[in-house]
Protein backbone atom coordinates (compact mmCIF):
# COMPACT_ATOMS: atom_id res chain seq x y z
CA MET A 1 -81.76 87.43 -41.35
CA ASN A 2 -78.19 86.48 -41.69
CA LEU A 3 -78.45 83.88 -38.93
CA ARG A 4 -81.48 82.24 -40.46
CA GLU A 5 -79.87 82.10 -43.82
CA SER A 6 -76.63 80.65 -42.44
CA PHE A 7 -78.60 78.04 -40.48
CA LYS A 8 -80.54 77.10 -43.56
CA ASN A 9 -77.32 76.73 -45.43
CA GLN A 10 -75.89 74.36 -42.72
CA LEU A 11 -78.91 72.06 -42.66
CA PRO A 12 -77.81 69.91 -45.67
CA ARG A 13 -74.42 69.37 -44.09
CA LEU A 14 -75.94 68.30 -40.75
CA GLY A 15 -78.16 65.79 -42.53
CA ARG A 16 -75.22 64.17 -44.25
CA ALA A 17 -73.28 64.01 -40.94
CA GLY A 18 -76.24 62.31 -39.19
CA ARG A 19 -76.35 59.67 -41.84
CA ALA A 20 -72.55 58.92 -41.39
CA LEU A 21 -72.67 58.40 -37.57
CA PRO A 22 -73.67 54.61 -37.61
CA ARG A 23 -70.79 53.84 -39.88
CA ILE A 24 -68.31 55.59 -37.60
CA ALA A 25 -69.67 53.76 -34.55
CA LEU A 26 -69.29 50.39 -36.26
CA LEU A 27 -65.74 51.25 -37.28
CA ALA A 28 -64.84 52.32 -33.73
CA LEU A 29 -66.35 49.13 -32.36
CA ALA A 30 -64.31 47.03 -34.81
CA VAL A 31 -61.11 48.87 -33.89
CA ALA A 32 -61.81 48.35 -30.18
CA ALA A 33 -62.42 44.64 -30.76
CA VAL A 34 -59.19 44.29 -32.72
CA TYR A 35 -57.27 46.13 -29.99
CA ALA A 36 -58.79 43.92 -27.29
CA VAL A 37 -57.86 40.77 -29.21
CA VAL A 38 -54.33 42.00 -29.80
CA SER A 39 -53.74 43.19 -26.23
CA HIS A 40 -55.56 40.23 -24.62
CA PRO A 41 -55.43 37.27 -27.00
CA PRO A 42 -58.13 34.64 -26.38
CA LEU A 43 -55.53 31.83 -25.99
CA TYR A 44 -54.41 30.06 -22.81
CA THR A 45 -51.15 28.07 -22.50
CA VAL A 46 -51.35 24.99 -20.32
CA PRO A 47 -47.93 24.53 -18.55
CA ARG A 48 -46.08 21.23 -18.55
CA GLY A 49 -47.15 18.90 -15.77
CA GLU A 50 -50.56 20.54 -15.39
CA VAL A 51 -54.01 20.04 -16.84
CA ALA A 52 -56.54 22.78 -17.75
CA VAL A 53 -60.31 22.62 -17.35
CA ARG A 54 -62.27 25.08 -19.53
CA THR A 55 -65.85 25.77 -18.38
CA ASN A 56 -68.45 27.36 -20.64
CA LEU A 57 -70.09 30.14 -18.61
CA PHE A 58 -73.33 29.87 -20.55
CA SER A 59 -73.82 26.08 -20.60
CA GLY A 60 -71.66 25.12 -17.56
CA GLN A 61 -70.02 22.30 -19.57
CA PRO A 62 -66.38 21.58 -18.41
CA THR A 63 -63.74 20.35 -20.87
CA ARG A 64 -60.29 18.92 -20.02
CA PHE A 65 -57.13 19.92 -21.90
CA ASP A 66 -53.55 18.74 -21.47
CA GLU A 67 -50.45 20.90 -21.99
CA GLY A 68 -50.53 23.19 -25.02
CA ARG A 69 -52.60 26.18 -26.25
CA ILE A 70 -56.39 26.34 -25.98
CA LEU A 71 -59.01 28.92 -27.00
CA ALA A 72 -60.45 30.90 -24.05
CA LEU A 73 -62.86 33.67 -25.00
CA PRO A 74 -63.27 36.37 -22.36
CA GLY A 75 -66.80 36.41 -20.97
CA VAL A 76 -67.50 33.03 -22.54
CA HIS A 77 -64.96 30.63 -21.09
CA GLU A 78 -63.38 30.24 -17.68
CA VAL A 79 -60.08 28.27 -17.51
CA ARG A 80 -58.51 26.70 -14.41
CA SER A 81 -55.13 24.95 -14.36
CA LEU A 82 -54.52 22.12 -11.88
CA PRO A 83 -51.18 20.34 -11.11
CA MET A 84 -50.85 16.70 -12.11
CA ARG A 85 -47.47 16.16 -10.48
CA ASP A 86 -46.99 15.20 -6.83
CA GLN A 87 -47.13 18.20 -4.50
CA VAL A 88 -45.56 18.37 -1.03
CA PHE A 89 -47.34 19.97 1.92
CA HIS A 90 -45.61 20.74 5.24
CA ALA A 91 -47.93 21.17 8.21
CA THR A 92 -45.98 23.95 9.88
CA GLN A 93 -48.84 24.86 12.26
CA LEU A 94 -48.55 21.40 13.87
CA ALA A 95 -44.75 21.32 14.19
CA ARG A 96 -44.24 23.12 17.53
CA ALA A 97 -45.36 22.08 21.00
CA ASP A 98 -45.89 25.71 22.07
CA GLY A 99 -47.69 26.78 18.88
CA ALA A 100 -51.36 27.50 18.28
CA GLY A 101 -51.91 24.14 16.56
CA ALA A 102 -50.15 21.99 19.19
CA LEU A 103 -51.33 18.40 19.50
CA GLN A 104 -52.49 16.77 22.73
CA SER A 105 -51.30 13.34 23.86
CA LEU A 106 -53.19 10.85 25.98
CA GLU A 107 -51.61 12.36 29.14
CA GLY A 108 -52.77 15.85 28.11
CA LEU A 109 -49.27 17.08 27.19
CA SER A 110 -48.79 19.45 24.29
CA LEU A 111 -46.46 18.32 21.53
CA GLY A 112 -45.59 19.22 17.97
CA MET A 113 -45.21 16.92 15.01
CA ASP A 114 -43.49 17.67 11.71
CA LEU A 115 -45.80 16.13 9.09
CA THR A 116 -44.99 15.98 5.38
CA LEU A 117 -47.82 15.05 3.03
CA ALA A 118 -47.51 14.29 -0.69
CA TRP A 119 -50.65 14.75 -2.78
CA ARG A 120 -51.95 15.36 -6.26
CA VAL A 121 -55.27 15.93 -8.01
CA ASP A 122 -57.18 12.76 -8.86
CA ALA A 123 -57.07 12.68 -12.66
CA LYS A 124 -59.97 10.23 -12.81
CA GLN A 125 -62.39 12.81 -11.33
CA LEU A 126 -61.43 15.54 -13.79
CA PRO A 127 -62.98 17.70 -15.14
CA GLY A 128 -65.93 17.40 -12.78
CA ILE A 129 -64.09 18.52 -9.63
CA ALA A 130 -62.45 21.61 -11.18
CA THR A 131 -65.30 23.90 -10.14
CA ARG A 132 -65.53 22.40 -6.65
CA LEU A 133 -61.84 22.67 -5.66
CA PRO A 134 -60.87 25.83 -3.73
CA GLU A 135 -58.30 28.24 -5.09
CA ASN A 136 -55.75 27.40 -2.37
CA ILE A 137 -56.10 23.63 -2.10
CA GLU A 138 -53.45 23.14 0.61
CA ARG A 139 -54.79 25.88 2.91
CA ASP A 140 -58.53 25.32 2.46
CA LEU A 141 -58.67 21.55 1.91
CA ILE A 142 -55.54 19.54 2.80
CA GLY A 143 -54.67 21.44 5.98
CA PRO A 144 -58.11 21.02 7.64
CA ALA A 145 -58.31 17.37 6.53
CA LEU A 146 -54.85 16.68 8.01
CA GLN A 147 -55.76 18.33 11.32
CA ALA A 148 -59.04 16.42 11.47
CA SER A 149 -57.12 13.16 10.96
CA VAL A 150 -54.14 13.86 13.25
CA TYR A 151 -55.83 15.11 16.42
CA PRO A 152 -57.98 12.00 17.10
CA VAL A 153 -55.10 9.62 16.42
CA VAL A 154 -52.51 11.46 18.54
CA SER A 155 -54.91 11.88 21.47
CA GLN A 156 -55.14 8.08 21.80
CA HIS A 157 -51.39 7.55 22.42
CA THR A 158 -48.89 8.56 25.06
CA VAL A 159 -45.90 10.76 24.38
CA ARG A 160 -43.50 7.82 24.67
CA GLU A 161 -45.51 5.85 22.10
CA ILE A 162 -45.65 8.84 19.75
CA PHE A 163 -41.95 9.56 20.21
CA SER A 164 -40.56 6.07 19.83
CA SER A 165 -42.47 2.83 20.02
CA LYS A 166 -45.61 3.37 17.88
CA ARG A 167 -44.51 5.99 15.39
CA GLY A 168 -45.13 3.71 12.40
CA GLU A 169 -48.54 2.67 13.68
CA ILE A 170 -49.56 6.31 14.20
CA GLU A 171 -48.34 7.22 10.72
CA GLN A 172 -50.41 4.43 9.16
CA ALA A 173 -53.53 5.46 11.15
CA ILE A 174 -53.25 9.10 10.01
CA ALA A 175 -52.65 8.02 6.40
CA GLY A 176 -55.69 5.72 6.54
CA SER A 177 -57.92 8.53 7.82
CA LEU A 178 -56.68 10.86 5.07
CA LYS A 179 -57.30 8.25 2.40
CA THR A 180 -60.95 8.22 3.37
CA ARG A 181 -61.29 12.05 3.50
CA LEU A 182 -59.25 13.34 0.57
CA PRO A 183 -60.58 11.17 -2.29
CA GLU A 184 -64.08 12.57 -1.60
CA GLN A 185 -62.65 16.01 -2.36
CA GLY A 186 -60.85 14.85 -5.54
CA ILE A 187 -57.38 14.65 -3.94
CA GLU A 188 -55.18 11.55 -4.09
CA LEU A 189 -52.82 10.91 -1.13
CA ARG A 190 -49.35 9.90 -2.34
CA GLY A 191 -47.57 9.54 0.99
CA LEU A 192 -47.28 10.67 4.59
CA GLN A 193 -44.19 10.93 6.74
CA ILE A 194 -43.75 11.89 10.40
CA GLY A 195 -40.54 13.78 11.04
CA HIS A 196 -39.36 15.52 14.17
CA VAL A 197 -41.58 15.31 17.26
CA ASP A 198 -41.34 18.46 19.39
CA LEU A 199 -41.83 17.67 23.09
CA PRO A 200 -42.38 20.05 26.02
CA ALA A 201 -39.17 21.27 27.64
CA ASP A 202 -39.95 19.72 31.06
CA TYR A 203 -40.96 16.41 29.56
CA ARG A 204 -37.88 16.42 27.33
CA ARG A 205 -35.62 16.94 30.32
CA GLY A 206 -37.39 14.17 32.22
CA MET A 207 -37.22 11.90 29.18
CA ASP A 208 -33.53 12.71 28.76
CA GLY A 209 -32.99 11.68 32.38
CA LEU A 210 -35.00 8.50 31.90
CA LEU A 211 -33.14 7.77 28.71
CA ALA A 212 -29.83 8.37 30.49
CA GLU A 213 -30.89 6.04 33.32
CA GLY A 214 -32.16 3.51 30.82
CA LEU A 215 -28.94 3.73 28.89
CA ALA A 216 -26.96 3.36 32.13
CA THR A 217 -29.09 0.36 33.07
CA GLU A 218 -28.66 -1.18 29.65
CA LYS A 219 -24.94 -0.42 29.81
CA MET A 220 -24.69 -2.08 33.21
CA GLN A 221 -26.69 -5.03 31.91
CA TYR A 222 -24.43 -5.31 28.91
CA THR A 223 -21.40 -4.95 31.20
CA LEU A 224 -22.65 -7.73 33.48
CA GLU A 225 -23.40 -9.91 30.48
CA LEU A 226 -19.96 -9.16 29.12
CA LYS A 227 -18.34 -10.02 32.45
CA ALA A 228 -20.32 -13.24 32.62
CA LYS A 229 -19.26 -14.08 29.09
CA GLN A 230 -15.66 -13.26 29.98
CA VAL A 231 -15.86 -15.55 33.05
CA LYS A 232 -17.41 -18.25 30.88
CA GLN A 233 -14.72 -17.65 28.29
CA THR A 234 -12.01 -17.92 30.98
CA GLU A 235 -13.51 -21.19 32.22
CA LEU A 236 -13.70 -22.56 28.71
CA GLU A 237 -10.13 -21.46 28.01
CA ALA A 238 -8.96 -23.12 31.27
CA GLN A 239 -10.79 -26.31 30.35
CA ALA A 240 -9.35 -26.11 26.86
CA GLN A 241 -5.82 -25.65 28.25
CA LYS A 242 -6.34 -28.54 30.69
CA SER A 243 -7.60 -30.74 27.88
CA ARG A 244 -4.69 -29.62 25.73
CA ARG A 245 -2.18 -30.44 28.47
CA GLU A 246 -3.76 -33.85 29.03
CA ILE A 247 -3.71 -34.55 25.33
CA ASP A 248 -0.11 -33.35 25.08
CA ALA A 249 0.88 -35.52 28.08
CA GLU A 250 -0.83 -38.57 26.58
CA ALA A 251 0.82 -37.86 23.25
CA ALA A 252 4.24 -37.45 24.91
CA GLU A 253 3.70 -40.71 26.84
CA ARG A 254 2.75 -42.51 23.65
CA GLU A 255 5.79 -41.05 21.93
CA GLN A 256 8.07 -42.23 24.76
CA VAL A 257 6.55 -45.72 24.67
CA ILE A 258 6.88 -45.85 20.92
CA ALA A 259 10.45 -44.54 21.13
CA ALA A 260 11.34 -47.14 23.82
CA ARG A 261 9.86 -49.92 21.73
CA ALA A 262 11.65 -48.67 18.67
CA GLN A 263 14.92 -48.45 20.64
CA GLU A 264 14.40 -51.97 21.97
CA GLU A 265 13.80 -53.25 18.46
CA ALA A 266 16.77 -51.31 17.23
CA MET A 267 19.04 -52.74 19.98
CA LYS A 268 18.18 -56.23 18.80
CA HIS A 269 19.81 -55.37 15.52
CA ILE A 270 22.45 -52.99 16.89
CA LEU A 271 24.04 -55.41 19.44
CA PRO A 272 24.99 -58.03 16.84
CA LEU A 273 26.17 -55.24 14.61
CA LYS A 274 28.29 -53.80 17.44
CA GLN A 275 29.73 -57.25 18.13
CA LYS A 276 30.62 -57.67 14.50
CA GLN A 277 32.16 -54.19 14.48
CA ILE A 278 34.31 -55.09 17.54
CA GLU A 279 35.46 -58.30 15.89
CA GLN A 280 36.13 -56.42 12.68
CA ARG A 281 38.16 -53.78 14.51
CA SER A 282 40.24 -56.47 16.36
CA LEU A 283 40.95 -58.20 13.08
CA GLU A 284 41.84 -54.90 11.50
CA ALA A 285 44.19 -54.13 14.45
CA GLU A 286 45.91 -57.54 14.09
CA ALA A 287 46.23 -57.04 10.36
CA ALA A 288 47.63 -53.56 10.90
CA ASN A 289 50.11 -54.90 13.52
CA ALA A 290 51.27 -57.67 11.19
CA GLN A 291 51.57 -55.16 8.40
CA ARG A 292 53.68 -52.83 10.57
CA ILE A 293 55.96 -55.75 11.58
CA LYS A 294 56.44 -56.73 7.96
CA LEU A 295 57.13 -53.14 7.04
CA ALA A 296 59.69 -52.86 9.86
CA GLU A 297 61.42 -56.04 8.77
CA GLY A 298 61.44 -54.83 5.17
CA ASN A 299 62.83 -51.47 6.23
CA ALA A 300 65.58 -53.14 8.32
CA LYS A 301 66.60 -55.36 5.44
CA ALA A 302 66.53 -52.40 3.08
CA ARG A 303 68.72 -50.33 5.43
CA GLN A 304 71.17 -53.27 5.78
CA ILE A 305 71.40 -53.64 2.02
CA GLU A 306 71.83 -49.90 1.64
CA ALA A 307 74.63 -49.83 4.26
CA THR A 308 76.46 -52.71 2.56
CA ALA A 309 76.12 -51.06 -0.82
CA GLU A 310 77.24 -47.72 0.61
CA ALA A 311 80.35 -49.32 2.23
CA LYS A 312 81.28 -51.03 -1.02
CA ALA A 313 80.76 -47.78 -2.90
CA ARG A 314 82.94 -45.87 -0.44
CA GLU A 315 85.67 -48.52 -0.68
CA THR A 316 85.56 -48.32 -4.46
CA LEU A 317 85.71 -44.53 -4.32
CA ALA A 318 88.71 -44.64 -1.94
CA ASP A 319 90.57 -47.02 -4.23
CA ALA A 320 89.79 -44.78 -7.18
CA GLU A 321 90.93 -41.68 -5.29
CA ALA A 322 94.19 -43.32 -4.22
CA TYR A 323 94.83 -44.42 -7.77
CA ARG A 324 94.02 -40.93 -9.04
CA VAL A 325 96.35 -39.26 -6.48
CA ALA A 326 99.18 -41.68 -7.35
CA GLU A 327 98.77 -41.04 -11.03
CA ILE A 328 98.58 -37.27 -10.49
CA SER A 329 101.71 -37.39 -8.31
CA LYS A 330 103.55 -39.27 -11.05
CA VAL A 331 102.42 -36.75 -13.66
CA ASP A 332 103.39 -33.78 -11.43
CA ALA A 333 106.85 -35.27 -10.75
CA GLN A 334 107.44 -35.77 -14.43
CA ARG A 335 106.20 -32.27 -15.21
CA MET A 336 108.36 -30.68 -12.53
CA ALA A 337 111.41 -32.57 -13.78
CA ARG A 338 110.79 -31.27 -17.28
CA GLU A 339 110.25 -27.73 -16.05
CA GLY A 340 113.40 -27.84 -13.87
CA ALA A 341 115.45 -28.97 -16.80
CA LEU A 342 113.89 -26.33 -19.01
CA LEU A 343 114.50 -23.55 -16.44
CA THR A 344 118.07 -24.68 -16.07
CA GLN A 345 118.56 -24.20 -19.75
CA HIS A 346 116.42 -21.03 -20.01
CA PRO A 347 116.29 -18.98 -16.74
CA LEU A 348 114.27 -16.15 -18.35
CA LEU A 349 111.25 -18.43 -18.60
CA VAL A 350 110.60 -17.70 -14.93
CA GLN A 351 110.29 -14.03 -15.70
CA LYS A 352 108.03 -14.81 -18.61
CA ALA A 353 105.84 -17.04 -16.52
CA LEU A 354 105.63 -14.35 -13.84
CA ALA A 355 104.78 -11.74 -16.43
CA ASP A 356 102.09 -14.01 -17.87
CA LYS A 357 100.53 -14.53 -14.45
CA LEU A 358 100.58 -10.78 -13.63
CA ALA A 359 99.55 -9.61 -17.07
CA ASP A 360 95.83 -9.36 -16.22
CA LYS A 361 96.62 -7.41 -13.00
CA VAL A 362 99.61 -5.14 -13.75
CA GLN A 363 100.06 -3.12 -16.93
CA VAL A 364 103.64 -1.68 -16.46
CA ILE A 365 106.31 -2.96 -14.03
CA ILE A 366 109.34 -0.72 -13.42
CA ALA A 367 112.11 -2.46 -11.47
CA PRO A 368 115.82 -1.78 -11.23
CA PRO A 369 118.07 -4.39 -12.76
CA SER A 370 119.77 -6.72 -10.37
CA ALA A 371 123.37 -5.83 -9.77
CA SER A 372 124.25 -9.43 -9.26
CA GLY A 373 122.63 -10.50 -12.44
CA ALA A 374 119.94 -12.34 -10.58
CA PHE A 375 116.26 -12.70 -11.52
CA ILE A 376 114.65 -9.34 -12.19
CA GLY A 377 111.67 -10.21 -10.05
CA SER A 378 113.65 -11.06 -7.05
CA GLY A 379 113.23 -7.47 -5.83
CA LEU A 380 109.49 -7.95 -6.04
CA LEU A 381 109.27 -11.53 -4.85
CA GLY A 382 112.21 -11.76 -2.48
CA GLY A 383 112.44 -10.66 1.10
CA ALA A 384 114.97 -8.65 3.11
CA GLN A 385 117.91 -10.88 2.01
CA ALA A 386 117.32 -10.07 -1.66
CA GLN A 387 117.19 -6.40 -0.85
CA GLN A 388 120.46 -6.60 1.08
CA GLN A 389 122.13 -8.41 -1.82
CA ASP A 390 120.95 -5.70 -4.21
CA THR A 391 122.21 -3.00 -1.87
CA GLN A 392 125.62 -4.68 -1.56
CA ALA A 393 125.86 -5.06 -5.32
CA ALA A 394 125.07 -1.41 -5.84
CA GLN A 395 127.72 -0.36 -3.32
CA GLN A 396 130.32 -2.52 -4.98
CA GLN A 397 129.56 -0.97 -8.35
CA GLN A 398 129.94 2.53 -6.87
CA GLN A 399 133.31 1.65 -5.35
CA GLN A 400 134.53 0.30 -8.62
CA GLY A 401 133.50 3.47 -10.36
CA ALA A 402 135.35 5.64 -7.86
CA GLU A 403 138.58 3.80 -8.31
C-alpha cells in the first residue's frame, strides 16, 4: 500500500519532467554548437602569395579568393589553397647514373642529370582546376611529366652531346615537351635548367683520358701555331731591322752629301773671310810693331831727359850741401871761439855743462876734490894720468901736514 501511494504521489513530478526534456535537449544542442564554433571557427585565412578555392559540397560550385579571411562552414564548404608564386622542383631521382631513375643515352649508357624546374599554378584556369589537381603536385604531376619528357629526348643523343656539345638543344627540347604536357594539367612552366651530368665511372675515366689527349693535342697545336708565329715574327723583325738599317744608311748618306754641299758652300764664303783675316792680322802686326818702336823711342827719350834732369838735380844738391857745410863750419868756429873765451873766463861752466848733460842719468855724484885745484870731473873723465896727479897731490898734502 505504501509503494502504490508513493508511486501515485511521484506521477505528477514525472509528468512535469517529461515535458521539460525537449527544452533541455535544445539547450544542450545550442551549447554544443557554440562550443564547436568557438573551438573550430568557420573562417579560413588565405596566406600571402597563395589563392584559395572554396567548393560548395552541395552544389559543387567553386569560388576563388585571394589572400585574407573567408567563411568556410564545416560540412558545407571545402577550401583548398594553391601557391601563386614560382615553385622550384629538383628531380633528385634522375640525378645519379647508378640510381633507380637513371637515364639512357643513345649508346645505352646510364647517366644522371640534375634537372631544376620552376613552375606555378596557371591562374587563368582557376578555380576550375582546383578539384582536379592532386594533393602533392610535384610528386604526382610534375615528376611523372618531367620523366616522360626527359627519357625520349636523352635517348636520342650520345653522352658526349649530352655532356658538352648539345646541352642547350636538349634543354630546349625537354622544356618544349613539358610546355605541351603541363598546361593541360593547369601548371605553367616558368623555366628549366640542366645542371650537373653524372656519367658512369668507366666512361668518365675514358672521357678524362680523351679530354687529356685532346687538351694535349690542342696544346701542341697552339704550341706549333705559337712557334710559327714566333718564326714569322722573327722574320718580320729581321726584315724590319734590315729596312731600318737601309733607311738609316740612306739617311746618313743624304746627311753626308748635304753636309759636304753645305761645307762647300761655306768654304766659298770662308776662304775670302780667312784671306781678309790674314791681311787684317798682318796689318795689325805691322801697326803693333810700329807702335812698339814709337814706344821704345819715347821711352829712350824720356830716360835721357830723366837722366839729364837727375844729373842737374844732383849737381844742385851738391852745391847746396857744400854751401851748407861751409856755413855750418863758419858757425861752429865762431861758436867754439865764443865758448873758449867764455870757459877761459869761467872754468866752472864746464862742470855745469857736464852736470846738465848727466842730470837725466845720475842723481848724486860724490867725488873727492882735486888736490891740484883742477876740474872736479877730471877724476871721472880723465885717465890714468889724472889719477896719478891726484895721488901725487894727496901725498904732497900729507907730507906738508907731517912737517
